[in-house]
């Protein structure tokens, strides 16, 4: 029987790496919810929603602001998002353009 579920391609195969779901993966790494060896490739949307809920609970502890993270997490957040931004730009992402441009 063929599986017709929609699945996430994974952080490393994401279009540019700064999509809504790729940010969930980055934040999953940040908060230690998933190991960095896990990029969520092949995860169905229900499993991604569960990770999203876990990430949101963690962010709620810090008012959803990176500046309120403890110093170690703040430094890790900066490093992860710097890596993702450099990677996204190398794949053609332009933060000045809307998603549909």
N, C-alpha and C. Protein backbone atom coordinates (compact mmCIF):
# COMPACT_ATOMS: atom_id res chain seq x y z
N UNK A 1 0.85 -1.19 0.00
CA UNK A 1 0.00 0.00 0.00
C UNK A 1 0.89 1.24 0.00
N UNK A 2 0.58 2.16 -0.87
CA UNK A 2 1.38 3.39 -0.99
C UNK A 2 1.01 4.38 0.10
N UNK A 3 2.03 5.04 0.64
CA UNK A 3 1.84 6.05 1.68
C UNK A 3 1.63 7.40 0.99
N UNK A 4 0.44 7.98 1.15
CA UNK A 4 0.14 9.26 0.51
C UNK A 4 0.24 10.43 1.47
N UNK A 5 0.86 10.22 2.63
CA UNK A 5 1.00 11.30 3.58
C UNK A 5 1.98 12.34 3.06
N UNK A 6 1.67 13.59 3.35
CA UNK A 6 2.61 14.67 3.04
C UNK A 6 3.70 14.63 4.09
N UNK A 7 4.94 14.70 3.64
CA UNK A 7 6.05 14.66 4.58
C UNK A 7 6.98 15.85 4.34
N UNK A 8 7.69 16.19 5.38
CA UNK A 8 8.68 17.27 5.32
C UNK A 8 9.96 16.70 4.71
N UNK A 9 10.58 17.43 3.77
CA UNK A 9 11.79 16.90 3.12
C UNK A 9 13.02 16.89 4.03
N UNK A 10 12.94 17.61 5.14
CA UNK A 10 14.08 17.70 6.05
C UNK A 10 14.79 19.03 5.90
N UNK A 11 15.44 19.44 6.97
CA UNK A 11 16.14 20.73 6.97
C UNK A 11 17.13 20.82 5.81
N UNK A 12 17.89 19.76 5.60
CA UNK A 12 18.95 19.80 4.60
C UNK A 12 18.43 19.79 3.17
N UNK A 13 17.19 19.38 2.97
CA UNK A 13 16.58 19.39 1.64
C UNK A 13 15.50 20.46 1.50
N UNK A 14 15.28 21.23 2.55
CA UNK A 14 14.29 22.31 2.51
C UNK A 14 14.70 23.31 1.42
N UNK A 15 13.74 23.99 0.85
CA UNK A 15 14.01 24.87 -0.28
C UNK A 15 15.18 25.81 -0.05
N UNK A 16 15.20 26.47 1.09
CA UNK A 16 16.33 27.35 1.37
C UNK A 16 16.76 27.30 2.84
N UNK A 17 15.97 26.69 3.68
CA UNK A 17 16.37 26.50 5.07
C UNK A 17 15.86 27.53 6.05
N UNK A 18 15.05 28.47 5.59
CA UNK A 18 14.45 29.42 6.53
C UNK A 18 12.93 29.48 6.35
N UNK A 19 12.35 28.32 6.06
CA UNK A 19 10.90 28.21 5.98
C UNK A 19 10.36 28.05 7.40
N UNK A 20 9.06 28.08 7.53
CA UNK A 20 8.45 27.92 8.85
C UNK A 20 8.89 26.60 9.48
N UNK A 21 8.84 25.52 8.71
CA UNK A 21 9.20 24.21 9.27
C UNK A 21 10.69 24.09 9.54
N UNK A 22 11.52 24.70 8.70
CA UNK A 22 12.96 24.61 8.98
C UNK A 22 13.32 25.36 10.25
N UNK A 23 12.60 26.42 10.54
CA UNK A 23 12.84 27.16 11.79
C UNK A 23 12.44 26.30 13.00
N UNK A 24 11.42 25.48 12.83
CA UNK A 24 11.03 24.57 13.91
C UNK A 24 12.15 23.57 14.17
N UNK A 25 12.78 23.08 13.10
CA UNK A 25 13.90 22.15 13.26
C UNK A 25 15.06 22.86 13.97
N UNK A 26 15.38 24.08 13.54
CA UNK A 26 16.45 24.83 14.19
C UNK A 26 16.17 25.01 15.67
N UNK A 27 14.93 25.35 16.00
CA UNK A 27 14.58 25.56 17.40
C UNK A 27 14.52 24.24 18.17
N UNK A 28 14.18 23.16 17.47
CA UNK A 28 14.24 21.84 18.10
C UNK A 28 15.67 21.51 18.50
N UNK A 29 16.62 21.85 17.61
CA UNK A 29 18.04 21.67 17.94
C UNK A 29 18.44 22.59 19.09
N UNK A 30 18.02 23.84 19.01
CA UNK A 30 18.36 24.83 20.03
C UNK A 30 17.99 24.33 21.43
N UNK A 31 16.77 23.85 21.57
CA UNK A 31 16.27 23.47 22.88
C UNK A 31 16.55 22.00 23.23
N UNK A 32 17.28 21.31 22.37
CA UNK A 32 17.63 19.92 22.65
C UNK A 32 16.45 18.97 22.56
N UNK A 33 15.42 19.36 21.80
CA UNK A 33 14.25 18.51 21.65
C UNK A 33 14.51 17.38 20.66
N UNK A 34 15.41 17.63 19.72
CA UNK A 34 15.86 16.62 18.76
C UNK A 34 17.37 16.78 18.62
N UNK A 35 18.07 15.69 18.35
CA UNK A 35 19.52 15.81 18.15
C UNK A 35 19.82 16.50 16.82
N UNK A 36 20.97 17.13 16.72
CA UNK A 36 21.33 17.81 15.48
C UNK A 36 21.51 16.85 14.31
N UNK A 37 21.63 15.57 14.59
CA UNK A 37 21.70 14.59 13.52
C UNK A 37 20.33 14.32 12.92
N UNK A 38 19.27 14.79 13.56
CA UNK A 38 17.89 14.61 13.09
C UNK A 38 17.43 15.87 12.39
N UNK A 39 17.20 15.79 11.07
CA UNK A 39 16.73 16.99 10.37
C UNK A 39 15.25 16.88 9.98
N UNK A 40 14.59 15.84 10.52
CA UNK A 40 13.15 15.63 10.36
C UNK A 40 12.73 15.21 8.95
N UNK A 41 13.67 14.75 8.15
CA UNK A 41 13.35 14.26 6.81
C UNK A 41 12.37 13.10 6.91
N UNK A 42 11.30 13.21 6.13
CA UNK A 42 10.29 12.16 6.08
C UNK A 42 9.24 12.23 7.17
N UNK A 43 9.35 13.24 8.05
CA UNK A 43 8.35 13.37 9.11
C UNK A 43 7.02 13.83 8.50
N UNK A 44 5.92 13.22 8.96
CA UNK A 44 4.62 13.67 8.48
C UNK A 44 4.22 14.94 9.24
N UNK A 45 3.18 15.58 8.77
CA UNK A 45 2.79 16.87 9.35
C UNK A 45 2.34 16.74 10.80
N UNK A 46 1.78 15.60 11.17
CA UNK A 46 1.37 15.39 12.56
C UNK A 46 2.60 15.37 13.48
N UNK A 47 3.64 14.70 13.04
CA UNK A 47 4.87 14.65 13.85
C UNK A 47 5.53 16.03 13.91
N UNK A 48 5.51 16.76 12.80
CA UNK A 48 6.06 18.12 12.79
C UNK A 48 5.24 19.02 13.70
N UNK A 49 3.92 18.83 13.75
CA UNK A 49 3.07 19.64 14.64
C UNK A 49 3.42 19.37 16.10
N UNK A 50 3.70 18.12 16.43
CA UNK A 50 4.09 17.79 17.80
C UNK A 50 5.38 18.51 18.18
N UNK A 51 6.36 18.51 17.26
CA UNK A 51 7.61 19.23 17.53
C UNK A 51 7.34 20.73 17.64
N UNK A 52 6.48 21.26 16.78
CA UNK A 52 6.11 22.68 16.84
C UNK A 52 5.54 23.02 18.21
N UNK A 53 4.65 22.18 18.71
CA UNK A 53 4.05 22.43 20.03
C UNK A 53 5.11 22.43 21.12
N UNK A 54 6.06 21.49 21.04
CA UNK A 54 7.14 21.42 22.03
C UNK A 54 8.02 22.67 21.96
N UNK A 55 8.35 23.09 20.74
CA UNK A 55 9.17 24.30 20.55
C UNK A 55 8.44 25.52 21.11
N UNK A 56 7.15 25.63 20.82
CA UNK A 56 6.38 26.77 21.32
C UNK A 56 6.35 26.81 22.84
N UNK A 57 6.25 25.65 23.48
CA UNK A 57 6.28 25.61 24.96
C UNK A 57 7.62 26.12 25.48
N UNK A 58 8.70 25.75 24.81
CA UNK A 58 10.02 26.24 25.23
C UNK A 58 10.13 27.75 25.04
N UNK A 59 9.72 28.24 23.88
CA UNK A 59 9.80 29.69 23.62
C UNK A 59 8.94 30.47 24.60
N UNK A 60 7.80 29.91 25.00
CA UNK A 60 6.93 30.60 25.94
C UNK A 60 7.65 30.92 27.25
N UNK A 61 8.60 30.09 27.63
CA UNK A 61 9.37 30.31 28.86
C UNK A 61 10.21 31.58 28.79
N UNK A 62 10.50 32.03 27.55
CA UNK A 62 11.37 33.19 27.34
C UNK A 62 10.64 34.32 26.60
N UNK A 63 9.32 34.31 26.70
CA UNK A 63 8.54 35.37 26.07
C UNK A 63 8.73 35.44 24.57
N UNK A 64 9.15 34.34 23.96
CA UNK A 64 9.37 34.27 22.51
C UNK A 64 10.44 35.25 22.02
N UNK A 65 11.35 35.63 22.90
CA UNK A 65 12.39 36.59 22.54
C UNK A 65 13.78 35.99 22.73
N UNK A 66 14.57 35.91 21.67
CA UNK A 66 15.95 35.41 21.83
C UNK A 66 16.74 36.20 22.87
N UNK A 67 16.46 37.47 23.01
CA UNK A 67 17.21 38.29 23.98
C UNK A 67 16.96 37.86 25.43
N UNK A 68 15.88 37.11 25.68
CA UNK A 68 15.58 36.64 27.03
C UNK A 68 16.10 35.23 27.30
N UNK A 69 16.73 34.63 26.31
CA UNK A 69 17.32 33.31 26.51
C UNK A 69 18.52 33.43 27.44
N UNK A 70 18.81 32.38 28.21
CA UNK A 70 20.04 32.40 29.01
C UNK A 70 21.24 32.52 28.07
N UNK A 71 22.36 33.03 28.54
CA UNK A 71 23.51 33.29 27.67
C UNK A 71 23.93 32.11 26.80
N UNK A 72 23.94 30.89 27.34
CA UNK A 72 24.35 29.75 26.53
C UNK A 72 23.38 29.48 25.39
N UNK A 73 22.08 29.56 25.66
CA UNK A 73 21.09 29.36 24.60
C UNK A 73 21.09 30.52 23.62
N UNK A 74 21.30 31.73 24.10
CA UNK A 74 21.34 32.90 23.22
C UNK A 74 22.49 32.76 22.22
N UNK A 75 23.65 32.32 22.70
CA UNK A 75 24.81 32.12 21.82
C UNK A 75 24.54 31.00 20.83
N UNK A 76 23.92 29.94 21.30
CA UNK A 76 23.59 28.81 20.41
C UNK A 76 22.57 29.23 19.36
N UNK A 77 21.57 30.02 19.77
CA UNK A 77 20.56 30.53 18.83
C UNK A 77 21.24 31.36 17.75
N UNK A 78 22.12 32.25 18.16
CA UNK A 78 22.82 33.10 17.19
C UNK A 78 23.62 32.25 16.21
N UNK A 79 24.31 31.23 16.70
CA UNK A 79 25.13 30.38 15.83
C UNK A 79 24.26 29.58 14.86
N UNK A 80 23.18 29.00 15.35
CA UNK A 80 22.30 28.22 14.48
C UNK A 80 21.67 29.08 13.39
N UNK A 81 21.19 30.26 13.78
CA UNK A 81 20.52 31.10 12.80
C UNK A 81 21.51 31.78 11.85
N UNK A 82 22.73 32.01 12.29
CA UNK A 82 23.76 32.51 11.38
C UNK A 82 24.06 31.45 10.33
N UNK A 83 24.23 30.20 10.76
CA UNK A 83 24.47 29.10 9.82
C UNK A 83 23.32 29.00 8.83
N UNK A 84 22.10 29.05 9.33
CA UNK A 84 20.93 28.90 8.47
C UNK A 84 20.79 30.07 7.50
N UNK A 85 21.11 31.27 7.96
CA UNK A 85 21.01 32.45 7.10
C UNK A 85 22.05 32.41 5.98
N UNK A 86 23.28 32.07 6.32
CA UNK A 86 24.33 31.94 5.30
C UNK A 86 23.94 30.88 4.29
N UNK A 87 23.46 29.75 4.78
CA UNK A 87 23.04 28.65 3.90
C UNK A 87 21.88 29.09 3.00
N UNK A 88 20.89 29.77 3.57
CA UNK A 88 19.72 30.21 2.81
C UNK A 88 20.13 31.20 1.71
N UNK A 89 20.99 32.13 2.06
CA UNK A 89 21.44 33.11 1.05
C UNK A 89 22.17 32.41 -0.09
N UNK A 90 22.94 31.38 0.22
CA UNK A 90 23.66 30.64 -0.82
C UNK A 90 22.70 29.88 -1.73
N UNK A 91 21.48 29.67 -1.26
CA UNK A 91 20.45 28.98 -2.04
C UNK A 91 19.47 29.96 -2.69
N UNK A 92 19.81 31.26 -2.63
CA UNK A 92 19.00 32.25 -3.33
C UNK A 92 17.96 32.95 -2.49
N UNK A 93 17.93 32.71 -1.19
CA UNK A 93 16.96 33.37 -0.33
C UNK A 93 17.32 34.83 -0.18
N UNK A 94 16.32 35.69 -0.29
CA UNK A 94 16.51 37.13 -0.10
C UNK A 94 15.50 37.59 0.93
N UNK A 95 15.96 38.04 2.10
CA UNK A 95 15.02 38.43 3.15
C UNK A 95 14.17 39.64 2.78
N UNK A 96 14.57 40.36 1.76
CA UNK A 96 13.81 41.54 1.34
C UNK A 96 12.58 41.17 0.49
N UNK A 97 12.56 39.95 -0.03
CA UNK A 97 11.44 39.53 -0.87
C UNK A 97 10.41 38.76 -0.06
N UNK A 98 9.15 38.94 -0.43
CA UNK A 98 8.10 38.14 0.19
C UNK A 98 8.20 36.71 -0.34
N UNK A 99 7.53 35.77 0.33
CA UNK A 99 7.59 34.37 -0.09
C UNK A 99 7.09 34.16 -1.50
N UNK A 100 6.17 35.00 -1.99
CA UNK A 100 5.61 34.80 -3.32
C UNK A 100 6.31 35.62 -4.39
N UNK A 101 7.45 36.24 -4.09
CA UNK A 101 8.18 37.02 -5.09
C UNK A 101 9.32 36.21 -5.66
